[in-house]
Amino acid sequence: MKIERTRLLTLLVVVLVLLNLTTLATIWFRKSPQQLDADRRDGPKNFIIQKLHFDKKQVEEFSALVDEHRTQMQELREQITESKEQFYDQLKSDAPDTALAYQQIASITQFEEQAERITFNHFKKVRAICSSEQKQEFDVVINEILRRMMGPSHGPHQGPPPMHPPGGPPCKE
C-alpha cells in the first residue's frame, strides 16, 4: 500500500512538472501582440513575394509599393471612420436629419470608391514589376491575394445591419 501511494505521488509530481514546463514553453514561445499584428499585416505581402518568386530587386520595389499603399489606405480608413461616426451620430437624435445622413452616405461611398481605386492601381503597379511568367501566376492568384489582404473580417456579413429586414419594407423615416 505504501508503494502504491509513493508511485501515485511520483506520478502526480511528474505530471505537475510536465504541466509547468508546458506552461513555461507556451509563455516563452508565444508571439507578442505586436508580432501577431505584424504577421497579419505582412501575411499578404509575404504570400505575394513567395507565390510570385520575387527576386531581391522586385522585393525592394514591391516593399516600396506596399508602404505607399498602406499610407494612402490608412488616411482613407481614418476619413471613412470619421464619416461613419458622424453618420451614426444622427441616431442620437429623435429626429435625425435624413438629408445630412444621405450626404454622409455619399461621402463614405466616395471614400470607399477611392480606396478601391487605390488598391486597383497598387496591384496594377505590382503586376508591372512582374516578369512574364510571374504575371501569369499573378493572374491566377490575384483573388486569393485580395482575400488575404482584406483578412477574415471582410466576409459577406460585413458592416452594419440592413436598414430593413431582408424582403421586408424599408423603415419609415
Protein backbone atom coordinates (compact mmCIF):
# COMPACT_ATOMS: atom_id res chain seq x y z
CA MET A 1 0.00 0.00 0.00
CA LYS A 2 2.87 2.35 0.81
CA ILE A 3 4.46 1.56 -2.56
CA GLU A 4 1.23 2.40 -4.43
CA ARG A 5 0.96 5.69 -2.59
CA THR A 6 4.59 6.51 -3.41
CA ARG A 7 4.03 5.63 -7.08
CA LEU A 8 0.90 7.78 -7.18
CA LEU A 9 2.70 10.77 -5.64
CA THR A 10 5.65 10.31 -8.01
CA LEU A 11 3.31 10.19 -10.98
CA LEU A 12 1.49 13.28 -9.74
CA VAL A 13 4.78 15.18 -9.36
CA VAL A 14 5.86 14.16 -12.89
CA VAL A 15 2.52 15.33 -14.32
CA LEU A 16 2.77 18.66 -12.49
CA VAL A 17 6.35 19.19 -13.69
CA LEU A 18 5.27 18.48 -17.28
CA LEU A 19 2.37 20.92 -16.95
CA ASN A 20 4.70 23.59 -15.61
CA LEU A 21 7.17 23.02 -18.43
CA THR A 22 4.36 23.23 -20.99
CA THR A 23 3.11 26.46 -19.45
CA LEU A 24 6.59 28.00 -19.46
CA ALA A 25 7.20 26.92 -23.07
CA THR A 26 3.90 28.48 -24.11
CA ILE A 27 4.84 31.75 -22.42
CA TRP A 28 8.35 31.80 -23.91
CA PHE A 29 7.34 30.92 -27.45
CA ARG A 30 4.07 32.85 -27.66
CA LYS A 31 4.16 35.80 -30.03
CA SER A 32 3.56 39.26 -28.68
CA PRO A 33 0.53 41.23 -29.88
CA GLN A 34 2.93 43.36 -31.94
CA GLN A 35 4.38 40.26 -33.62
CA LEU A 36 0.90 38.89 -34.31
CA ASP A 37 -0.15 42.23 -35.80
CA ALA A 38 2.97 42.33 -37.97
CA ASP A 39 2.34 38.75 -39.13
CA ARG A 40 -1.26 39.63 -40.00
CA ARG A 41 -0.22 42.81 -41.76
CA ASP A 42 2.69 41.23 -43.65
CA GLY A 43 0.92 37.97 -44.43
CA PRO A 44 -0.37 39.10 -47.84
CA LYS A 45 2.96 40.77 -48.61
CA ASN A 46 4.93 37.62 -47.82
CA PHE A 47 2.40 35.49 -49.67
CA ILE A 48 2.88 37.57 -52.83
CA ILE A 49 6.67 37.52 -52.55
CA GLN A 50 6.69 33.74 -52.15
CA LYS A 51 3.94 32.94 -54.65
CA LEU A 52 5.43 35.12 -57.40
CA HIS A 53 9.06 34.21 -56.56
CA PHE A 54 10.22 37.83 -56.46
CA ASP A 55 13.95 38.43 -56.69
CA LYS A 56 15.74 40.87 -54.38
CA LYS A 57 15.16 43.89 -56.63
CA GLN A 58 11.47 43.06 -57.01
CA VAL A 59 11.12 42.65 -53.25
CA GLU A 60 12.55 46.15 -52.75
CA GLU A 61 10.23 47.66 -55.37
CA PHE A 62 7.27 45.75 -54.00
CA SER A 63 8.04 46.84 -50.43
CA ALA A 64 8.04 50.48 -51.54
CA LEU A 65 4.69 49.94 -53.26
CA VAL A 66 3.28 48.29 -50.13
CA ASP A 67 4.43 51.18 -47.92
CA GLU A 68 2.87 53.70 -50.31
CA HIS A 69 -0.39 51.72 -50.41
CA ARG A 70 -0.56 51.36 -46.63
CA THR A 71 -0.03 55.09 -46.14
CA GLN A 72 -2.76 56.00 -48.63
CA MET A 73 -5.17 53.44 -47.21
CA GLN A 74 -4.56 54.49 -43.60
CA GLU A 75 -5.53 58.07 -44.45
CA LEU A 76 -8.68 56.86 -46.19
CA ARG A 77 -9.61 54.48 -43.36
CA GLU A 78 -9.41 57.40 -40.94
CA GLN A 79 -11.68 59.51 -43.18
CA ILE A 80 -14.14 56.62 -43.57
CA THR A 81 -14.20 56.02 -39.82
CA GLU A 82 -14.79 59.71 -39.10
CA SER A 83 -17.56 59.89 -41.71
CA LYS A 84 -19.25 56.76 -40.34
CA GLU A 85 -19.11 58.13 -36.81
CA GLN A 86 -20.78 61.34 -37.97
CA PHE A 87 -23.34 59.30 -39.89
CA TYR A 88 -24.27 57.11 -36.93
CA ASP A 89 -24.27 60.11 -34.61
CA GLN A 90 -27.50 61.00 -36.42
CA LEU A 91 -29.12 58.16 -34.47
CA LYS A 92 -28.61 60.08 -31.23
CA SER A 93 -31.39 62.43 -32.24
CA ASP A 94 -35.10 61.69 -32.04
CA ALA A 95 -35.44 63.44 -35.40
CA PRO A 96 -32.29 62.69 -37.42
CA ASP A 97 -31.54 64.90 -40.39
CA THR A 98 -32.02 62.38 -43.18
CA ALA A 99 -30.70 64.76 -45.85
CA LEU A 100 -27.45 65.08 -43.90
CA ALA A 101 -27.37 61.31 -43.33
CA TYR A 102 -27.68 60.71 -47.09
CA GLN A 103 -24.88 63.21 -47.74
CA GLN A 104 -22.71 61.31 -45.27
CA ILE A 105 -23.54 58.02 -47.00
CA ALA A 106 -22.44 59.59 -50.29
CA SER A 107 -19.23 60.78 -48.65
CA ILE A 108 -18.50 57.31 -47.22
CA THR A 109 -19.20 55.79 -50.63
CA GLN A 110 -16.76 58.20 -52.30
CA PHE A 111 -14.03 57.34 -49.80
CA GLU A 112 -14.61 53.63 -50.27
CA GLU A 113 -14.60 54.06 -54.06
CA GLN A 114 -11.30 55.92 -53.75
CA ALA A 115 -9.91 53.06 -51.63
CA GLU A 116 -10.87 50.56 -54.34
CA ARG A 117 -9.17 52.73 -56.99
CA ILE A 118 -6.01 52.99 -54.88
CA THR A 119 -5.96 49.20 -54.37
CA PHE A 120 -6.60 48.55 -58.06
CA ASN A 121 -3.75 50.90 -59.06
CA HIS A 122 -1.50 49.34 -56.42
CA PHE A 123 -1.96 45.89 -57.90
CA LYS A 124 -1.56 47.28 -61.41
CA LYS A 125 1.87 48.53 -60.30
CA VAL A 126 2.66 45.19 -58.61
CA ARG A 127 1.81 43.34 -61.82
CA ALA A 128 4.03 45.77 -63.76
CA ILE A 129 7.12 44.71 -61.78
CA CYS A 130 6.47 41.04 -62.59
CA SER A 131 8.18 39.07 -65.34
CA SER A 132 6.01 37.38 -67.98
CA GLU A 133 5.93 34.13 -66.01
CA GLN A 134 5.15 35.95 -62.78
CA LYS A 135 2.30 37.83 -64.48
CA GLN A 136 0.69 34.51 -65.37
CA GLU A 137 0.92 33.38 -61.74
CA PHE A 138 -0.30 36.82 -60.55
CA ASP A 139 -3.38 36.48 -62.77
CA VAL A 140 -4.13 33.11 -61.19
CA VAL A 141 -3.74 34.18 -57.53
CA ILE A 142 -4.99 37.79 -57.51
CA ASN A 143 -8.33 36.90 -55.88
CA GLU A 144 -6.59 34.90 -53.17
CA ILE A 145 -4.21 37.81 -52.64
CA LEU A 146 -7.14 40.20 -52.16
CA ARG A 147 -8.85 37.83 -49.69
CA ARG A 148 -5.64 37.57 -47.66
CA MET A 149 -5.12 41.33 -47.79
CA MET A 150 -8.62 42.06 -46.51
CA GLY A 151 -8.49 39.44 -43.79
CA PRO A 152 -11.21 37.25 -42.33
CA SER A 153 -13.42 40.11 -41.16
CA HIS A 154 -14.27 41.05 -44.74
CA GLY A 155 -16.80 38.33 -45.30
CA PRO A 156 -20.30 38.54 -46.66
CA HIS A 157 -21.77 39.83 -43.37
CA GLN A 158 -19.60 42.90 -43.01
CA GLY A 159 -20.86 46.30 -41.94
CA PRO A 160 -23.97 47.45 -40.14
CA PRO A 161 -27.23 45.54 -40.44
CA PRO A 162 -29.52 46.50 -43.32
CA MET A 163 -31.91 49.39 -42.83
CA HIS A 164 -34.83 46.99 -43.30
CA PRO A 165 -35.35 43.26 -42.89
CA PRO A 166 -34.50 41.24 -45.99
CA GLY A 167 -37.60 41.06 -48.15
CA GLY A 168 -39.45 43.44 -45.83
CA PRO A 169 -40.43 47.07 -46.25
CA PRO A 170 -37.87 49.78 -45.50
CA CYS A 171 -38.03 51.50 -42.13
CA LYS A 172 -40.05 54.73 -42.06
CA GLU A 173 -38.05 57.89 -41.63
